[in-house]
PDB file of N, CA and C in Angstrom:
ATOM      1  N   LEU A   1      58.735 -59.365  10.635  1.00  0.00           N
ATOM      2  CA  LEU A   1      58.416 -59.022  12.010  1.00  0.00           C
ATOM      3  C   LEU A   1      57.090 -58.258  12.082  1.00  0.00           C
ATOM      4  N   HIS A   2      56.902 -57.300  11.112  1.00  0.00           N
ATOM      5  CA  HIS A   2      55.685 -56.493  11.184  1.00  0.00           C
ATOM      6  C   HIS A   2      54.507 -57.170  10.524  1.00  0.00           C
ATOM      7  N   ASN A   3      54.719 -58.115   9.652  1.00  0.00           N
ATOM      8  CA  ASN A   3      53.638 -58.755   8.923  1.00  0.00           C
ATOM      9  C   ASN A   3      53.089 -59.986   9.609  1.00  0.00           C
ATOM     10  N   ARG A   4      53.445 -60.189  10.822  1.00  0.00           N
ATOM     11  CA  ARG A   4      52.980 -61.400  11.498  1.00  0.00           C
ATOM     12  C   ARG A   4      51.514 -61.262  11.880  1.00  0.00           C
ATOM     13  N   PRO A   5      50.715 -62.227  11.523  1.00  0.00           N
ATOM     14  CA  PRO A   5      49.306 -62.157  11.915  1.00  0.00           C
ATOM     15  C   PRO A   5      49.159 -62.294  13.430  1.00  0.00           C
ATOM     16  N   VAL A   6      48.464 -61.324  13.971  1.00  0.00           N
ATOM     17  CA  VAL A   6      48.279 -61.346  15.418  1.00  0.00           C
ATOM     18  C   VAL A   6      46.784 -61.378  15.675  1.00  0.00           C
ATOM     19  N   LYS A   7      46.377 -62.253  16.513  1.00  0.00           N
ATOM     20  CA  LYS A   7      44.966 -62.335  16.859  1.00  0.00           C
ATOM     21  C   LYS A   7      44.691 -61.276  17.926  1.00  0.00           C
ATOM     22  N   LEU A   8      43.771 -60.338  17.571  1.00  0.00           N
ATOM     23  CA  LEU A   8      43.468 -59.261  18.507  1.00  0.00           C
ATOM     24  C   LEU A   8      42.599 -59.790  19.626  1.00  0.00           C
ATOM     25  N   ALA A   9      42.712 -59.160  20.763  1.00  0.00           N
ATOM     26  CA  ALA A   9      41.919 -59.583  21.907  1.00  0.00           C
ATOM     27  C   ALA A   9      40.473 -59.191  21.667  1.00  0.00           C
ATOM     28  N   LYS A  10      39.581 -60.055  22.083  1.00  0.00           N
ATOM     29  CA  LYS A  10      38.158 -59.788  21.933  1.00  0.00           C
ATOM     30  C   LYS A  10      37.807 -58.592  22.823  1.00  0.00           C
ATOM     31  N   PRO A  11      37.109 -57.550  22.216  1.00  0.00           N
ATOM     32  CA  PRO A  11      36.814 -56.388  23.054  1.00  0.00           C
ATOM     33  C   PRO A  11      35.850 -56.752  24.174  1.00  0.00           C
ATOM     34  N   SER A  12      36.197 -56.364  25.339  1.00  0.00           N
ATOM     35  CA  SER A  12      35.333 -56.658  26.486  1.00  0.00           C
ATOM     36  C   SER A  12      34.498 -55.426  26.789  1.00  0.00           C
ATOM     37  N   TYR A  13      33.348 -55.627  27.369  1.00  0.00           N
ATOM     38  CA  TYR A  13      32.431 -54.528  27.688  1.00  0.00           C
ATOM     39  C   TYR A  13      32.986 -53.767  28.877  1.00  0.00           C
ATOM     40  N   ASP A  14      33.188 -52.450  28.645  1.00  0.00           N
ATOM     41  CA  ASP A  14      33.691 -51.617  29.727  1.00  0.00           C
ATOM     42  C   ASP A  14      32.605 -50.594  30.037  1.00  0.00           C
ATOM     43  N   SER A  15      32.037 -50.667  31.210  1.00  0.00           N
ATOM     44  CA  SER A  15      30.899 -49.804  31.546  1.00  0.00           C
ATOM     45  C   SER A  15      31.306 -48.329  31.573  1.00  0.00           C
ATOM     46  N   GLU A  16      32.504 -48.020  31.999  1.00  0.00           N
ATOM     47  CA  GLU A  16      32.964 -46.628  32.039  1.00  0.00           C
ATOM     48  C   GLU A  16      33.080 -46.053  30.631  1.00  0.00           C
ATOM     49  N   ASN A  17      33.693 -46.865  29.731  1.00  0.00           N
ATOM     50  CA  ASN A  17      33.788 -46.426  28.332  1.00  0.00           C
ATOM     51  C   ASN A  17      32.407 -46.231  27.722  1.00  0.00           C
ATOM     52  N   HIS A  18      31.517 -47.173  28.023  1.00  0.00           N
ATOM     53  CA  HIS A  18      30.162 -47.094  27.488  1.00  0.00           C
ATOM     54  C   HIS A  18      29.462 -45.834  27.995  1.00  0.00           C
ATOM     55  N   ARG A  19      29.629 -45.517  29.288  1.00  0.00           N
ATOM     56  CA  ARG A  19      29.018 -44.325  29.875  1.00  0.00           C
ATOM     57  C   ARG A  19      29.564 -43.064  29.203  1.00  0.00           C
ATOM     58  N   LEU A  20      30.872 -43.022  28.976  1.00  0.00           N
ATOM     59  CA  LEU A  20      31.477 -41.867  28.300  1.00  0.00           C
ATOM     60  C   LEU A  20      30.975 -41.745  26.857  1.00  0.00           C
ATOM     61  N   PHE A  21      30.843 -42.911  26.198  1.00  0.00           N
ATOM     62  CA  PHE A  21      30.334 -42.916  24.823  1.00  0.00           C
ATOM     63  C   PHE A  21      28.906 -42.377  24.781  1.00  0.00           C
ATOM     64  N   GLU A  22      28.052 -42.887  25.681  1.00  0.00           N
ATOM     65  CA  GLU A  22      26.665 -42.416  25.732  1.00  0.00           C
ATOM     66  C   GLU A  22      26.605 -40.920  26.015  1.00  0.00           C
ATOM     67  N   HIS A  23      27.466 -40.482  26.925  1.00  0.00           N
ATOM     68  CA  HIS A  23      27.486 -39.061  27.266  1.00  0.00           C
ATOM     69  C   HIS A  23      27.868 -38.212  26.045  1.00  0.00           C
ATOM     70  N   SER A  24      28.896 -38.638  25.311  1.00  0.00           N
ATOM     71  CA  SER A  24      29.314 -37.872  24.132  1.00  0.00           C
ATOM     72  C   SER A  24      28.232 -37.890  23.056  1.00  0.00           C
ATOM     73  N   VAL A  25      27.564 -39.038  22.910  1.00  0.00           N
ATOM     74  CA  VAL A  25      26.470 -39.119  21.937  1.00  0.00           C
ATOM     75  C   VAL A  25      25.351 -38.172  22.344  1.00  0.00           C
ATOM     76  N   ARG A  26      25.005 -38.179  23.622  1.00  0.00           N
ATOM     77  CA  ARG A  26      23.929 -37.297  24.098  1.00  0.00           C
ATOM     78  C   ARG A  26      24.298 -35.827  23.938  1.00  0.00           C
ATOM     79  N   ARG A  27      25.587 -35.511  24.078  1.00  0.00           N
ATOM     80  CA  ARG A  27      26.017 -34.114  23.917  1.00  0.00           C
ATOM     81  C   ARG A  27      25.929 -33.681  22.464  1.00  0.00           C
ATOM     82  N   HIS A  28      26.260 -34.563  21.530  1.00  0.00           N
ATOM     83  CA  HIS A  28      26.338 -34.178  20.121  1.00  0.00           C
ATOM     84  C   HIS A  28      25.058 -34.431  19.342  1.00  0.00           C
ATOM     85  N   VAL A  29      24.289 -35.402  19.740  1.00  0.00           N
ATOM     86  CA  VAL A  29      23.045 -35.715  19.039  1.00  0.00           C
ATOM     87  C   VAL A  29      21.901 -35.096  19.823  1.00  0.00           C
ATOM     88  N   ARG A  30      21.098 -34.320  19.129  1.00  0.00           N
ATOM     89  CA  ARG A  30      20.020 -33.612  19.813  1.00  0.00           C
ATOM     90  C   ARG A  30      18.812 -34.513  19.998  1.00  0.00           C
ATOM     91  N   SER A  31      18.013 -34.163  20.991  1.00  0.00           N
ATOM     92  CA  SER A  31      16.852 -34.991  21.297  1.00  0.00           C
ATOM     93  C   SER A  31      15.771 -34.797  20.239  1.00  0.00           C
ATOM     94  N   ILE A  32      14.864 -35.745  20.175  1.00  0.00           N
ATOM     95  CA  ILE A  32      13.767 -35.695  19.199  1.00  0.00           C
ATOM     96  C   ILE A  32      12.882 -34.477  19.472  1.00  0.00           C
ATOM     97  N   ALA A  33      12.668 -34.179  20.752  1.00  0.00           N
ATOM     98  CA  ALA A  33      11.813 -33.040  21.106  1.00  0.00           C
ATOM     99  C   ALA A  33      12.414 -31.727  20.596  1.00  0.00           C
ATOM    100  N   SER A  34      13.734 -31.547  20.791  1.00  0.00           N
ATOM    101  CA  SER A  34      14.349 -30.292  20.332  1.00  0.00           C
ATOM    102  C   SER A  34      14.354 -30.221  18.805  1.00  0.00           C
ATOM    103  N   LEU A  35      14.578 -31.387  18.149  1.00  0.00           N
ATOM    104  CA  LEU A  35      14.516 -31.405  16.685  1.00  0.00           C
ATOM    105  C   LEU A  35      13.118 -31.039  16.193  1.00  0.00           C
ATOM    106  N   GLN A  36      12.106 -31.574  16.887  1.00  0.00           N
ATOM    107  CA  GLN A  36      10.719 -31.268  16.517  1.00  0.00           C
ATOM    108  C   GLN A  36      10.417 -29.783  16.743  1.00  0.00           C
ATOM    109  N   GLN A  37      10.931 -29.232  17.850  1.00  0.00           N
ATOM    110  CA  GLN A  37      10.729 -27.803  18.116  1.00  0.00           C
ATOM    111  C   GLN A  37      11.348 -26.948  17.011  1.00  0.00           C
ATOM    112  N   GLU A  38      12.556 -27.317  16.595  1.00  0.00           N
ATOM    113  CA  GLU A  38      13.211 -26.548  15.532  1.00  0.00           C
ATOM    114  C   GLU A  38      12.438 -26.662  14.218  1.00  0.00           C
ATOM    115  N   LYS A  39      11.961 -27.880  13.945  1.00  0.00           N
ATOM    116  CA  LYS A  39      11.178 -28.091  12.725  1.00  0.00           C
ATOM    117  C   LYS A  39       9.899 -27.246  12.763  1.00  0.00           C
ATOM    118  N   ASP A  40       9.227 -27.250  13.924  1.00  0.00           N
ATOM    119  CA  ASP A  40       8.018 -26.440  14.079  1.00  0.00           C
ATOM    120  C   ASP A  40       8.325 -24.953  13.919  1.00  0.00           C
ATOM    121  N   ARG A  41       9.447 -24.511  14.486  1.00  0.00           N
ATOM    122  CA  ARG A  41       9.835 -23.108  14.386  1.00  0.00           C
ATOM    123  C   ARG A  41      10.082 -22.725  12.924  1.00  0.00           C
ATOM    124  N   ILE A  42      10.752 -23.612  12.192  1.00  0.00           N
ATOM    125  CA  ILE A  42      11.034 -23.337  10.778  1.00  0.00           C
ATOM    126  C   ILE A  42       9.740 -23.268   9.973  1.00  0.00           C
ATOM    127  N   THR A  43       8.827 -24.220  10.205  1.00  0.00           N
ATOM    128  CA  THR A  43       7.548 -24.200   9.473  1.00  0.00           C
ATOM    129  C   THR A  43       6.735 -22.957   9.844  1.00  0.00           C
ATOM    130  N   GLU A  44       6.796 -22.566  11.132  1.00  0.00           N
ATOM    131  CA  GLU A  44       6.079 -21.363  11.561  1.00  0.00           C
ATOM    132  C   GLU A  44       6.652 -20.120  10.880  1.00  0.00           C
ATOM    133  N   GLU A  45       7.984 -20.058  10.781  1.00  0.00           N
ATOM    134  CA  GLU A  45       8.612 -18.928  10.087  1.00  0.00           C
ATOM    135  C   GLU A  45       8.194 -18.893   8.621  1.00  0.00           C
ATOM    136  N   VAL A  46       8.139 -20.068   7.998  1.00  0.00           N
ATOM    137  CA  VAL A  46       7.743 -20.138   6.585  1.00  0.00           C
ATOM    138  C   VAL A  46       6.300 -19.659   6.416  1.00  0.00           C
ATOM    139  N   THR A  47       5.405 -20.118   7.303  1.00  0.00           N
ATOM    140  CA  THR A  47       4.002 -19.694   7.188  1.00  0.00           C
ATOM    141  C   THR A  47       3.862 -18.197   7.456  1.00  0.00           C
ATOM    142  N   LYS A  48       4.625 -17.692   8.445  1.00  0.00           N
ATOM    143  CA  LYS A  48       4.579 -16.245   8.717  1.00  0.00           C
ATOM    144  C   LYS A  48       5.072 -15.454   7.514  1.00  0.00           C
ATOM    145  N   ARG A  49       6.140 -15.948   6.901  1.00  0.00           N
ATOM    146  CA  ARG A  49       6.705 -15.268   5.729  1.00  0.00           C
ATOM    147  C   ARG A  49       5.690 -15.259   4.578  1.00  0.00           C
ATOM    148  N   LYS A  50       5.035 -16.416   4.368  1.00  0.00           N
ATOM    149  CA  LYS A  50       4.029 -16.485   3.302  1.00  0.00           C
ATOM    150  C   LYS A  50       2.876 -15.518   3.581  1.00  0.00           C
ATOM    151  N   ALA A  51       2.428 -15.481   4.846  1.00  0.00           N
ATOM    152  CA  ALA A  51       1.336 -14.577   5.206  1.00  0.00           C
ATOM    153  C   ALA A  51       1.752 -13.128   5.000  1.00  0.00           C
ATOM    154  N   TYR A  52       2.981 -12.810   5.384  1.00  0.00           N
ATOM    155  CA  TYR A  52       3.498 -11.447   5.222  1.00  0.00           C
ATOM    156  C   TYR A  52       3.557 -11.072   3.744  1.00  0.00           C
ATOM    157  N   LEU A  53       4.076 -11.989   2.912  1.00  0.00           N
ATOM    158  CA  LEU A  53       4.172 -11.710   1.477  1.00  0.00           C
ATOM    159  C   LEU A  53       2.787 -11.549   0.853  1.00  0.00           C
ATOM    160  N   ALA A  54       1.829 -12.389   1.303  1.00  0.00           N
ATOM    161  CA  ALA A  54       0.468 -12.269   0.786  1.00  0.00           C
ATOM    162  C   ALA A  54      -0.132 -10.920   1.175  1.00  0.00           C
ATOM    163  N   LYS A  55       0.103 -10.513   2.427  1.00  0.00           N
ATOM    164  CA  LYS A  55      -0.408  -9.223   2.896  1.00  0.00           C
ATOM    165  C   LYS A  55       0.211  -8.072   2.110  1.00  0.00           C
ATOM    166  N   MET A  56       1.521  -8.158   1.866  1.00  0.00           N
ATOM    167  CA  MET A  56       2.200  -7.110   1.104  1.00  0.00           C
ATOM    168  C   MET A  56       1.671  -7.053  -0.333  1.00  0.00           C
ATOM    169  N   ALA A  57       1.433  -8.228  -0.930  1.00  0.00           N
ATOM    170  CA  ALA A  57       0.893  -8.269  -2.293  1.00  0.00           C
ATOM    171  C   ALA A  57      -0.498  -7.642  -2.332  1.00  0.00           C
ATOM    172  N   GLU A  58      -1.304  -7.935  -1.299  1.00  0.00           N
ATOM    173  CA  GLU A  58      -2.650  -7.369  -1.230  1.00  0.00           C
ATOM    174  C   GLU A  58      -2.588  -5.845  -1.091  1.00  0.00           C
ATOM    175  N   GLN A  59      -1.676  -5.367  -0.228  1.00  0.00           N
ATOM    176  CA  GLN A  59      -1.525  -3.918  -0.069  1.00  0.00           C
ATOM    177  C   GLN A  59      -1.075  -3.269  -1.373  1.00  0.00           C
ATOM    178  N   LYS A  60      -0.151  -3.928  -2.071  1.00  0.00           N
ATOM    179  CA  LYS A  60       0.327  -3.385  -3.340  1.00  0.00           C
ATOM    180  C   LYS A  60      -0.817  -3.326  -4.354  1.00  0.00           C
ATOM    181  N   GLU A  61      -1.644  -4.380  -4.354  1.00  0.00           N
ATOM    182  CA  GLU A  61      -2.784  -4.415  -5.270  1.00  0.00           C
ATOM    183  C   GLU A  61      -3.755  -3.275  -4.963  1.00  0.00           C
ATOM    184  N   ILE A  62      -4.006  -3.055  -3.662  1.00  0.00           N
ATOM    185  CA  ILE A  62      -4.905  -1.965  -3.259  1.00  0.00           C
ATOM    186  C   ILE A  62      -4.328  -0.624  -3.684  1.00  0.00           C
ATOM    187  N   LEU A  63      -3.012  -0.450  -3.466  1.00  0.00           N
ATOM    188  CA  LEU A  63      -2.370   0.804  -3.858  1.00  0.00           C
ATOM    189  C   LEU A  63      -2.450   1.018  -5.364  1.00  0.00           C
ATOM    190  N   GLU A  64      -2.235  -0.062  -6.128  1.00  0.00           N
ATOM    191  CA  GLU A  64      -2.328   0.053  -7.588  1.00  0.00           C
ATOM    192  C   GLU A  64      -3.747   0.445  -7.996  1.00  0.00           C
ATOM    193  N   ALA A  65      -4.743  -0.182  -7.328  1.00  0.00           N
ATOM    194  CA  ALA A  65      -6.138   0.124  -7.653  1.00  0.00           C
ATOM    195  C   ALA A  65      -6.447   1.581  -7.331  1.00  0.00           C
ATOM    196  N   THR A  66      -6.002   2.040  -6.147  1.00  0.00           N
ATOM    197  CA  THR A  66      -6.286   3.431  -5.786  1.00  0.00           C
ATOM    198  C   THR A  66      -5.527   4.387  -6.699  1.00  0.00           C
ATOM    199  N   LYS A  67      -4.317   3.988  -7.101  1.00  0.00           N
ATOM    200  CA  LYS A  67      -3.554   4.847  -8.016  1.00  0.00           C
ATOM    201  C   LYS A  67      -4.283   4.959  -9.353  1.00  0.00           C
ATOM    202  N   ALA A  68      -4.768   3.809  -9.859  1.00  0.00           N
ATOM    203  CA  ALA A  68      -5.504   3.824 -11.124  1.00  0.00           C
ATOM    204  C   ALA A  68      -6.771   4.670 -10.993  1.00  0.00           C
ATOM    205  N   GLU A  69      -7.431   4.535  -9.833  1.00  0.00           N
ATOM    206  CA  GLU A  69      -8.648   5.314  -9.612  1.00  0.00           C
ATOM    207  C   GLU A  69      -8.333   6.815  -9.571  1.00  0.00           C
ATOM    208  N   ARG A  70      -7.247   7.175  -8.863  1.00  0.00           N
ATOM    209  CA  ARG A  70      -6.852   8.590  -8.799  1.00  0.00           C
ATOM    210  C   ARG A  70      -6.513   9.128 -10.181  1.00  0.00           C
ATOM    211  N   LEU A  71      -5.787   8.329 -10.960  1.00  0.00           N
ATOM    212  CA  LEU A  71      -5.439   8.761 -12.313  1.00  0.00           C
ATOM    213  C   LEU A  71      -6.692   8.944 -13.166  1.00  0.00           C
ATOM    214  N   HIS A  72      -7.640   8.014 -13.002  1.00  0.00           N
ATOM    215  CA  HIS A  72      -8.884   8.099 -13.762  1.00  0.00           C
ATOM    216  C   HIS A  72      -9.656   9.366 -13.383  1.00  0.00           C
ATOM    217  N   ARG A  73      -9.732   9.628 -12.062  1.00  0.00           N
ATOM    218  CA  ARG A  73     -10.446  10.832 -11.616  1.00  0.00           C
ATOM    219  C   ARG A  73      -9.751  12.098 -12.110  1.00  0.00           C
ATOM    220  N   ALA A  74      -8.424  12.084 -12.089  1.00  0.00           N
ATOM    221  CA  ALA A  74      -7.674  13.246 -12.588  1.00  0.00           C
ATOM    222  C   ALA A  74      -7.942  13.446 -14.078  1.00  0.00           C
ATOM    223  N   TYR A  75      -8.018  12.338 -14.813  1.00  0.00           N
ATOM    224  CA  TYR A  75      -8.307  12.432 -16.251  1.00  0.00           C
ATOM    225  C   TYR A  75      -9.697  13.029 -16.471  1.00  0.00           C
ATOM    226  N   ILE A  76     -10.675  12.542 -15.715  1.00  0.00           N
ATOM    227  CA  ILE A  76     -12.043  13.063 -15.852  1.00  0.00           C
ATOM    228  C   ILE A  76     -12.066  14.557 -15.529  1.00  0.00           C
ATOM    229  N   HIS A  77     -11.387  14.927 -14.431  1.00  0.00           N
ATOM    230  CA  HIS A  77     -11.352  16.334 -14.019  1.00  0.00           C
ATOM    231  C   HIS A  77     -10.729  17.206 -15.107  1.00  0.00           C
ATOM    232  N   SER A  78      -9.601  16.746 -15.639  1.00  0.00           N
ATOM    233  CA  SER A  78      -8.933  17.544 -16.678  1.00  0.00           C
ATOM    234  C   SER A  78      -9.785  17.618 -17.943  1.00  0.00           C
ATOM    235  N   SER A  79     -10.506  16.534 -18.246  1.00  0.00           N
ATOM    236  CA  SER A  79     -11.362  16.591 -19.437  1.00  0.00           C
ATOM    237  C   SER A  79     -12.516  17.571 -19.226  1.00  0.00           C
ATOM    238  N   PHE A  80     -13.062  17.615 -17.978  1.00  0.00           N
ATOM    239  CA  PHE A  80     -14.113  18.601 -17.688  1.00  0.00           C
ATOM    240  C   PHE A  80     -13.574  20.016 -17.853  1.00  0.00           C
ATOM    241  N   ILE A  81     -12.367  20.249 -17.325  1.00  0.00           N
ATOM    242  CA  ILE A  81     -11.764  21.581 -17.441  1.00  0.00           C
ATOM    243  C   ILE A  81     -11.542  21.932 -18.908  1.00  0.00           C
ATOM    244  N   LYS A  82     -11.053  20.950 -19.663  1.00  0.00           N
ATOM    245  CA  LYS A  82     -10.794  21.186 -21.088  1.00  0.00           C
ATOM    246  C   LYS A  82     -12.095  21.538 -21.813  1.00  0.00           C
ATOM    247  N   GLU A  83     -13.157  20.779 -21.519  1.00  0.00           N
ATOM    248  CA  GLU A  83     -14.448  21.070 -22.155  1.00  0.00           C
ATOM    249  C   GLU A  83     -14.938  22.460 -21.779  1.00  0.00           C
ATOM    250  N   ALA A  84     -14.771  22.813 -20.487  1.00  0.00           N
ATOM    251  CA  ALA A  84     -15.229  24.131 -20.033  1.00  0.00           C
ATOM    252  C   ALA A  84     -14.444  25.230 -20.737  1.00  0.00           C
ATOM    253  N   LEU A  85     -13.136  25.037 -20.860  1.00  0.00           N
ATOM    254  CA  LEU A  85     -12.323  26.047 -21.544  1.00  0.00           C
ATOM    255  C   LEU A  85     -12.705  26.155 -23.014  1.00  0.00           C
ATOM    256  N   GLU A  86     -12.986  25.008 -23.631  1.00  0.00           N
ATOM    257  CA  GLU A  86     -13.403  25.043 -25.037  1.00  0.00           C
ATOM    258  C   GLU A  86     -14.755  25.733 -25.191  1.00  0.00           C
ATOM    259  N   GLU A  87     -15.653  25.501 -24.214  1.00  0.00           N
ATOM    260  CA  GLU A  87     -16.968  26.151 -24.270  1.00  0.00           C
ATOM    261  C   GLU A  87     -16.831  27.657 -24.127  1.00  0.00           C
ATOM    262  N   THR A  88     -15.964  28.089 -23.189  1.00  0.00           N
ATOM    263  CA  THR A  88     -15.833  29.534 -22.960  1.00  0.00           C
ATOM    264  C   THR A  88     -15.149  30.221 -24.129  1.00  0.00           C
ATOM    265  N   ASP A  89     -14.510  29.444 -24.972  1.00  0.00           N
ATOM    266  CA  ASP A  89     -13.822  30.026 -26.120  1.00  0.00           C
ATOM    267  C   ASP A  89     -14.748  30.185 -27.330  1.00  0.00           C
ATOM    268  N   SER A  90     -15.937  29.606 -27.253  1.00  0.00           N
ATOM    269  CA  SER A  90     -16.813  29.601 -28.434  1.00  0.00           C
ATOM    270  C   SER A  90     -17.510  30.959 -28.601  1.00  0.00           C
ATOM    271  N   PRO A  91     -17.918  31.287 -29.838  1.00  0.00           N
ATOM    272  CA  PRO A  91     -18.623  32.558 -30.078  1.00  0.00           C
ATOM    273  C   PRO A  91     -19.975  32.618 -29.369  1.00  0.00           C
ATOM    274  N   VAL A  92     -20.623  31.480 -29.211  1.00  0.00           N
ATOM    275  CA  VAL A  92     -21.921  31.456 -28.516  1.00  0.00           C
ATOM    276  C   VAL A  92     -21.728  31.912 -27.075  1.00  0.00           C
ATOM    277  N   TRP A  93     -20.660  31.429 -26.448  1.00  0.00           N
ATOM    278  CA  TRP A  93     -20.363  31.800 -25.062  1.00  0.00           C
ATOM    279  C   TRP A  93     -20.088  33.307 -24.961  1.00  0.00           C
ATOM    280  N   ARG A  94     -19.312  33.828 -25.912  1.00  0.00           N
ATOM    281  CA  ARG A  94     -19.000  35.260 -25.888  1.00  0.00           C
ATOM    282  C   ARG A  94     -20.272  36.103 -26.036  1.00  0.00           C
ATOM    283  N   LEU A  95     -21.164  35.655 -26.916  1.00  0.00           N
ATOM    284  CA  LEU A  95     -22.433  36.368 -27.110  1.00  0.00           C
ATOM    285  C   LEU A  95     -23.255  36.349 -25.825  1.00  0.00           C
ATOM    286  N   ALA A  96     -23.296  35.186 -25.157  1.00  0.00           N
ATOM    287  CA  ALA A  96     -24.043  35.076 -23.901  1.00  0.00           C
ATOM    288  C   ALA A  96     -23.442  35.995 -22.839  1.00  0.00           C
ATOM    289  N   LEU A  97     -22.108  36.079 -22.798  1.00  0.00           N
ATOM    290  CA  LEU A  97     -21.450  36.977 -21.838  1.00  0.00           C
ATOM    291  C   LEU A  97     -21.806  38.439 -22.119  1.00  0.00           C
ATOM    292  N   GLN A  98     -21.834  38.810 -23.400  1.00  0.00           N
ATOM    293  CA  GLN A  98     -22.200  40.185 -23.757  1.00  0.00           C
ATOM    294  C   GLN A  98     -23.625  40.495 -23.311  1.00  0.00           C
ATOM    295  N   LYS A  99     -24.538  39.548 -23.540  1.00  0.00           N
ATOM    296  CA  LYS A  99     -25.935  39.734 -23.125  1.00  0.00           C
ATOM    297  C   LYS A  99     -26.028  39.887 -21.612  1.00  0.00           C
ATOM    298  N   LYS A 100     -25.276  39.054 -20.892  1.00  0.00           N
ATOM    299  CA  LYS A 100     -25.293  39.109 -19.427  1.00  0.00           C
ATOM    300  C   LYS A 100     -24.774  40.456 -18.932  1.00  0.00           C
ATOM    301  N   ASN A 101     -23.658  40.910 -19.508  1.00  0.00           N
ATOM    302  CA  ASN A 101     -23.097  42.197 -19.092  1.00  0.00           C
ATOM    303  C   ASN A 101     -24.064  43.340 -19.386  1.00  0.00           C
ATOM    304  N   ALA A 102     -24.703  43.294 -20.554  1.00  0.00           N
ATOM    305  CA  ALA A 102     -25.674  44.337 -20.915  1.00  0.00           C
ATOM    306  C   ALA A 102     -26.843  44.321 -19.932  1.00  0.00           C
ATOM    307  N   ARG A 103     -27.317  43.130 -19.570  1.00  0.00           N
ATOM    308  CA  ARG A 103     -28.424  42.993 -18.626  1.00  0.00           C
ATOM    309  C   ARG A 103     -28.041  43.576 -17.265  1.00  0.00           C
ATOM    310  N   GLU A 104     -26.805  43.266 -16.804  1.00  0.00           N
ATOM    311  CA  GLU A 104     -26.353  43.794 -15.515  1.00  0.00           C
ATOM    312  C   GLU A 104     -26.218  45.314 -15.552  1.00  0.00           C
ATOM    313  N   GLN A 105     -25.752  45.857 -16.662  1.00  0.00           N
ATOM    314  CA  GLN A 105     -25.630  47.319 -16.788  1.00  0.00           C
ATOM    315  C   GLN A 105     -27.009  47.978 -16.754  1.00  0.00           C
ATOM    316  N   ARG A 106     -27.970  47.381 -17.464  1.00  0.00           N
ATOM    317  CA  ARG A 106     -29.339  47.923 -17.457  1.00  0.00           C
ATOM    318  C   ARG A 106     -29.932  47.875 -16.046  1.00  0.00           C
ATOM    319  N   ARG A 107     -29.671  46.786 -15.353  1.00  0.00           N
ATOM    320  CA  ARG A 107     -30.194  46.626 -13.995  1.00  0.00           C
ATOM    321  C   ARG A 107     -29.576  47.681 -13.068  1.00  0.00           C
ATOM    322  N   ALA A 108     -28.240  47.857 -13.174  1.00  0.00           N
ATOM    323  CA  ALA A 108     -27.558  48.855 -12.341  1.00  0.00           C
ATOM    324  C   ALA A 108     -28.083  50.255 -12.640  1.00  0.00           C
ATOM    325  N   ALA A 109     -28.283  50.542 -13.922  1.00  0.00           N
ATOM    326  CA  ALA A 109     -28.814  51.864 -14.303  1.00  0.00           C
ATOM    327  C   ALA A 109     -30.218  52.051 -13.746  1.00  0.00           C
ATOM    328  N   PHE A 110     -31.045  50.990 -13.802  1.00  0.00           N
ATOM    329  CA  PHE A 110     -32.409  51.059 -13.271  1.00  0.00           C
ATOM    330  C   PHE A 110     -32.385  51.366 -11.778  1.00  0.00           C
ATOM    331  N   PHE A 111     -31.500  50.662 -11.027  1.00  0.00           N
ATOM    332  CA  PHE A 111     -31.444  50.885  -9.579  1.00  0.00           C
ATOM    333  C   PHE A 111     -30.926  52.282  -9.244  1.00  0.00           C
ATOM    334  N   GLN A 112     -29.976  52.784 -10.029  1.00  0.00           N
ATOM    335  CA  GLN A 112     -29.492  54.154  -9.806  1.00  0.00           C
ATOM    336  C   GLN A 112     -30.622  55.160 -10.039  1.00  0.00           C
ATOM    337  N   GLN A 113     -31.383  54.946 -11.093  1.00  0.00           N
ATOM    338  CA  GLN A 113     -32.512  55.825 -11.406  1.00  0.00           C
ATOM    339  C   GLN A 113     -33.548  55.763 -10.287  1.00  0.00           C
ATOM    340  N   LEU A 114     -33.801  54.557  -9.788  1.00  0.00           N
ATOM    341  CA  LEU A 114     -34.763  54.365  -8.703  1.00  0.00           C
ATOM    342  C   LEU A 114     -34.306  55.103  -7.449  1.00  0.00           C
ATOM    343  N   MET A 115     -32.998  55.017  -7.139  1.00  0.00           N
ATOM    344  CA  MET A 115     -32.464  55.705  -5.959  1.00  0.00           C
ATOM    345  C   MET A 115     -32.600  57.225  -6.107  1.00  0.00           C
ATOM    346  N   LYS A 116     -32.332  57.728  -7.299  1.00  0.00           N
ATOM    347  CA  LYS A 116     -32.464  59.168  -7.539  1.00  0.00           C
ATOM    348  C   LYS A 116     -33.906  59.615  -7.307  1.00  0.00           C
ATOM    349  N   LYS A 117     -34.865  58.842  -7.832  1.00  0.00           N
ATOM    350  CA  LYS A 117     -36.283  59.189  -7.670  1.00  0.00           C
ATOM    351  C   LYS A 117     -36.671  59.177  -6.200  1.00  0.00           C
ATOM    352  N   ARG A 118     -36.186  58.210  -5.444  1.00  0.00           N
ATOM    353  CA  ARG A 118     -36.508  58.136  -4.015  1.00  0.00           C
ATOM    354  C   ARG A 118     -35.897  59.317  -3.255  1.00  0.00           C
ATOM    355  N   GLU A 119     -34.630  59.656  -3.633  1.00  0.00           N
ATOM    356  CA  GLU A 119     -33.994  60.805  -2.976  1.00  0.00           C
ATOM    357  C   GLU A 119     -34.774  62.086  -3.275  1.00  0.00           C
ATOM    358  N   GLU A 120     -35.235  62.245  -4.527  1.00  0.00           N
ATOM    359  CA  GLU A 120     -36.022  63.421  -4.899  1.00  0.00           C
ATOM    360  C   GLU A 120     -37.343  63.443  -4.142  1.00  0.00           C
ATOM    361  N   ALA A 121     -37.940  62.259  -3.967  1.00  0.00           N
ATOM    362  CA  ALA A 121     -39.210  62.171  -3.242  1.00  0.00           C
ATOM    363  C   ALA A 121     -38.996  62.503  -1.768  1.00  0.00           C
ATOM    364  N   ASP A 122     -37.867  62.104  -1.201  1.00  0.00           N
ATOM    365  CA  ASP A 122     -37.581  62.374   0.206  1.00  0.00           C
ATOM    366  C   ASP A 122     -37.282  63.856   0.436  1.00  0.00           C
ATOM    367  N   VAL A 123     -36.616  64.490  -0.529  1.00  0.00           N
ATOM    368  CA  VAL A 123     -36.235  65.898  -0.400  1.00  0.00           C
ATOM    369  C   VAL A 123     -37.488  66.782  -0.443  1.00  0.00           C
ATOM    370  N   SER A 124     -38.430  66.442  -1.337  1.00  0.00           N
ATOM    371  CA  SER A 124     -39.593  67.325  -1.477  1.00  0.00           C
ATOM    372  C   SER A 124     -40.704  67.023  -0.510  1.00  0.00           C
TER     373      SER A 124
END
């Protein structure tokens, strides 16, 4: 009973069914324009991301360069300080300081003597 070959009726064109089918297709399948817009948006996001990453890499490179420069300047500064400290520790430096102090003492004594002479000259 169930295995009997039955010739199915030839499907006839039903305009209402076709309209509903087209409507469902239009609802589920997006238009070419919207697909193109989405594609453009995705490519724009990718290009923006690449530009952002390039900018960040450039900033990082600049920061690294300035950091290296700062470290180099700090090294130079510390080496100058080290040299100055080593110079002030030498016997030649100590001798020069002694000479300078002696010169200043002689100068101060000279000016005191000069002031005394002027005061004596003013009194008499």
